[in-house]
N, C-alpha and C. Protein backbone atom coordinates (compact mmCIF):
# COMPACT_ATOMS: atom_id res chain seq x y z
N MET A 1 -40.13 53.10 11.52
CA MET A 1 -40.22 51.68 11.37
C MET A 1 -40.47 51.07 12.74
N SER A 2 -41.35 50.11 12.82
CA SER A 2 -41.69 49.53 14.10
C SER A 2 -40.74 48.40 14.47
N VAL A 3 -40.62 48.20 15.75
CA VAL A 3 -39.85 47.08 16.27
C VAL A 3 -40.75 45.85 16.23
N TYR A 4 -40.17 44.70 15.98
CA TYR A 4 -40.96 43.48 15.89
C TYR A 4 -41.90 43.36 17.09
N GLY A 5 -43.15 43.09 16.81
CA GLY A 5 -44.15 42.94 17.86
C GLY A 5 -44.94 44.20 18.15
N GLU A 6 -44.42 45.36 17.75
CA GLU A 6 -45.14 46.61 17.95
C GLU A 6 -45.95 46.94 16.70
N ARG A 7 -47.09 47.57 16.92
CA ARG A 7 -47.90 48.00 15.78
C ARG A 7 -47.29 49.26 15.19
N ASP A 8 -47.33 49.34 13.89
CA ASP A 8 -46.82 50.51 13.17
C ASP A 8 -48.01 51.43 12.90
N PRO A 9 -48.06 52.59 13.56
CA PRO A 9 -49.22 53.49 13.37
C PRO A 9 -49.37 53.98 11.93
N VAL A 10 -48.26 54.14 11.22
CA VAL A 10 -48.33 54.57 9.82
C VAL A 10 -48.96 53.46 8.98
N GLU A 11 -48.56 52.22 9.24
CA GLU A 11 -49.14 51.09 8.52
C GLU A 11 -50.63 50.95 8.85
N ASP A 12 -50.99 51.16 10.10
CA ASP A 12 -52.40 51.10 10.48
C ASP A 12 -53.22 52.15 9.74
N GLU A 13 -52.67 53.36 9.64
CA GLU A 13 -53.35 54.45 8.93
C GLU A 13 -53.53 54.10 7.45
N PHE A 14 -52.48 53.58 6.84
CA PHE A 14 -52.54 53.18 5.44
C PHE A 14 -53.59 52.10 5.23
N ASN A 15 -53.56 51.07 6.07
CA ASN A 15 -54.49 49.96 5.91
C ASN A 15 -55.94 50.39 6.10
N ALA A 16 -56.19 51.26 7.07
CA ALA A 16 -57.55 51.75 7.30
C ALA A 16 -58.06 52.54 6.10
N LEU A 17 -57.21 53.39 5.56
CA LEU A 17 -57.60 54.19 4.40
C LEU A 17 -57.81 53.31 3.17
N LEU A 18 -56.92 52.37 2.96
CA LEU A 18 -57.05 51.48 1.80
C LEU A 18 -58.33 50.65 1.89
N LYS A 19 -58.65 50.19 3.08
CA LYS A 19 -59.88 49.41 3.27
C LYS A 19 -61.10 50.27 2.92
N GLN A 20 -61.07 51.52 3.36
CA GLN A 20 -62.16 52.45 3.07
C GLN A 20 -62.28 52.68 1.57
N LEU A 21 -61.17 52.90 0.90
CA LEU A 21 -61.17 53.14 -0.54
C LEU A 21 -61.64 51.91 -1.31
N ASP A 22 -61.13 50.75 -0.95
CA ASP A 22 -61.51 49.51 -1.64
C ASP A 22 -62.98 49.17 -1.45
N ALA A 23 -63.56 49.61 -0.34
CA ALA A 23 -64.98 49.37 -0.09
C ALA A 23 -65.86 50.34 -0.86
N GLY A 24 -65.23 51.34 -1.51
CA GLY A 24 -65.99 52.29 -2.32
C GLY A 24 -66.54 53.46 -1.54
N HIS A 25 -66.09 53.65 -0.30
CA HIS A 25 -66.56 54.78 0.50
C HIS A 25 -65.86 56.05 0.04
N TYR A 26 -66.61 57.14 0.02
CA TYR A 26 -66.02 58.41 -0.38
C TYR A 26 -64.92 58.80 0.60
N THR A 27 -63.81 59.19 0.06
CA THR A 27 -62.69 59.69 0.85
C THR A 27 -62.19 60.95 0.15
N SER A 28 -62.04 62.02 0.90
CA SER A 28 -61.62 63.27 0.27
C SER A 28 -60.18 63.16 -0.21
N PRO A 29 -59.87 63.83 -1.31
CA PRO A 29 -58.49 63.84 -1.80
C PRO A 29 -57.51 64.38 -0.75
N GLU A 30 -57.97 65.32 0.08
CA GLU A 30 -57.10 65.87 1.12
C GLU A 30 -56.70 64.79 2.13
N GLU A 31 -57.64 63.91 2.49
CA GLU A 31 -57.34 62.83 3.43
C GLU A 31 -56.33 61.86 2.82
N ILE A 32 -56.52 61.54 1.56
CA ILE A 32 -55.58 60.65 0.88
C ILE A 32 -54.20 61.30 0.84
N TRP A 33 -54.15 62.59 0.50
CA TRP A 33 -52.88 63.31 0.39
C TRP A 33 -52.17 63.35 1.75
N GLU A 34 -52.90 63.55 2.82
CA GLU A 34 -52.29 63.58 4.15
C GLU A 34 -51.61 62.25 4.49
N VAL A 35 -52.26 61.16 4.15
CA VAL A 35 -51.66 59.84 4.43
C VAL A 35 -50.45 59.62 3.53
N ILE A 36 -50.53 60.06 2.28
CA ILE A 36 -49.38 59.95 1.38
C ILE A 36 -48.19 60.70 1.96
N GLN A 37 -48.42 61.92 2.43
CA GLN A 37 -47.34 62.71 3.02
C GLN A 37 -46.77 62.04 4.26
N LEU A 38 -47.62 61.45 5.07
CA LEU A 38 -47.18 60.73 6.26
C LEU A 38 -46.29 59.55 5.88
N LEU A 39 -46.70 58.81 4.87
CA LEU A 39 -45.92 57.65 4.41
C LEU A 39 -44.56 58.08 3.88
N ILE A 40 -44.54 59.12 3.07
CA ILE A 40 -43.27 59.60 2.48
C ILE A 40 -42.33 60.12 3.57
N ALA A 41 -42.89 60.78 4.57
CA ALA A 41 -42.07 61.37 5.63
C ALA A 41 -41.28 60.33 6.42
N THR A 42 -41.72 59.09 6.42
CA THR A 42 -40.99 58.07 7.18
C THR A 42 -39.67 57.72 6.53
N GLY A 43 -39.56 57.92 5.22
CA GLY A 43 -38.33 57.60 4.50
C GLY A 43 -38.15 56.11 4.22
N ASP A 44 -39.11 55.31 4.59
CA ASP A 44 -39.06 53.86 4.38
C ASP A 44 -39.49 53.54 2.95
N SER A 45 -38.72 52.71 2.25
CA SER A 45 -39.05 52.39 0.85
C SER A 45 -40.38 51.66 0.75
N LYS A 46 -40.72 50.84 1.73
CA LYS A 46 -42.01 50.15 1.72
C LYS A 46 -43.14 51.17 1.81
N HIS A 47 -42.96 52.16 2.67
CA HIS A 47 -43.99 53.20 2.82
C HIS A 47 -44.09 54.04 1.55
N ARG A 48 -42.96 54.27 0.88
CA ARG A 48 -42.99 55.04 -0.36
C ARG A 48 -43.81 54.29 -1.42
N HIS A 49 -43.66 52.98 -1.46
CA HIS A 49 -44.45 52.16 -2.40
C HIS A 49 -45.94 52.29 -2.08
N TRP A 50 -46.27 52.24 -0.80
CA TRP A 50 -47.67 52.39 -0.40
C TRP A 50 -48.20 53.77 -0.78
N ALA A 51 -47.37 54.81 -0.64
CA ALA A 51 -47.77 56.17 -1.01
C ALA A 51 -48.09 56.24 -2.50
N GLU A 52 -47.26 55.59 -3.31
CA GLU A 52 -47.51 55.56 -4.76
C GLU A 52 -48.83 54.85 -5.05
N ARG A 53 -49.10 53.79 -4.31
CA ARG A 53 -50.36 53.07 -4.50
C ARG A 53 -51.55 53.95 -4.17
N LEU A 54 -51.47 54.69 -3.07
CA LEU A 54 -52.56 55.58 -2.71
C LEU A 54 -52.72 56.70 -3.73
N GLY A 55 -51.62 57.12 -4.33
CA GLY A 55 -51.67 58.18 -5.33
C GLY A 55 -52.57 57.85 -6.51
N THR A 56 -52.77 56.58 -6.77
CA THR A 56 -53.65 56.19 -7.87
C THR A 56 -55.11 56.51 -7.58
N TYR A 57 -55.43 56.79 -6.33
CA TYR A 57 -56.81 57.13 -5.95
C TYR A 57 -57.07 58.63 -6.01
N LEU A 58 -56.04 59.42 -6.26
CA LEU A 58 -56.23 60.87 -6.36
C LEU A 58 -56.78 61.24 -7.73
N PRO A 59 -57.63 62.27 -7.76
CA PRO A 59 -58.18 62.70 -9.07
C PRO A 59 -57.12 63.35 -9.94
């Protein structure tokens, strides 16, 4: 979890991937899975919600 004013690299990774997916660009399932694992590893409930959201993009 980031301290106020600092950028959260996990959040940046999630946002970049989501932007790519929403734009319709091909993203490999492995790339999506890696970000999901990164989000879950933080243990943050907000990140877990984001991981579930990304899971909807997996085949």
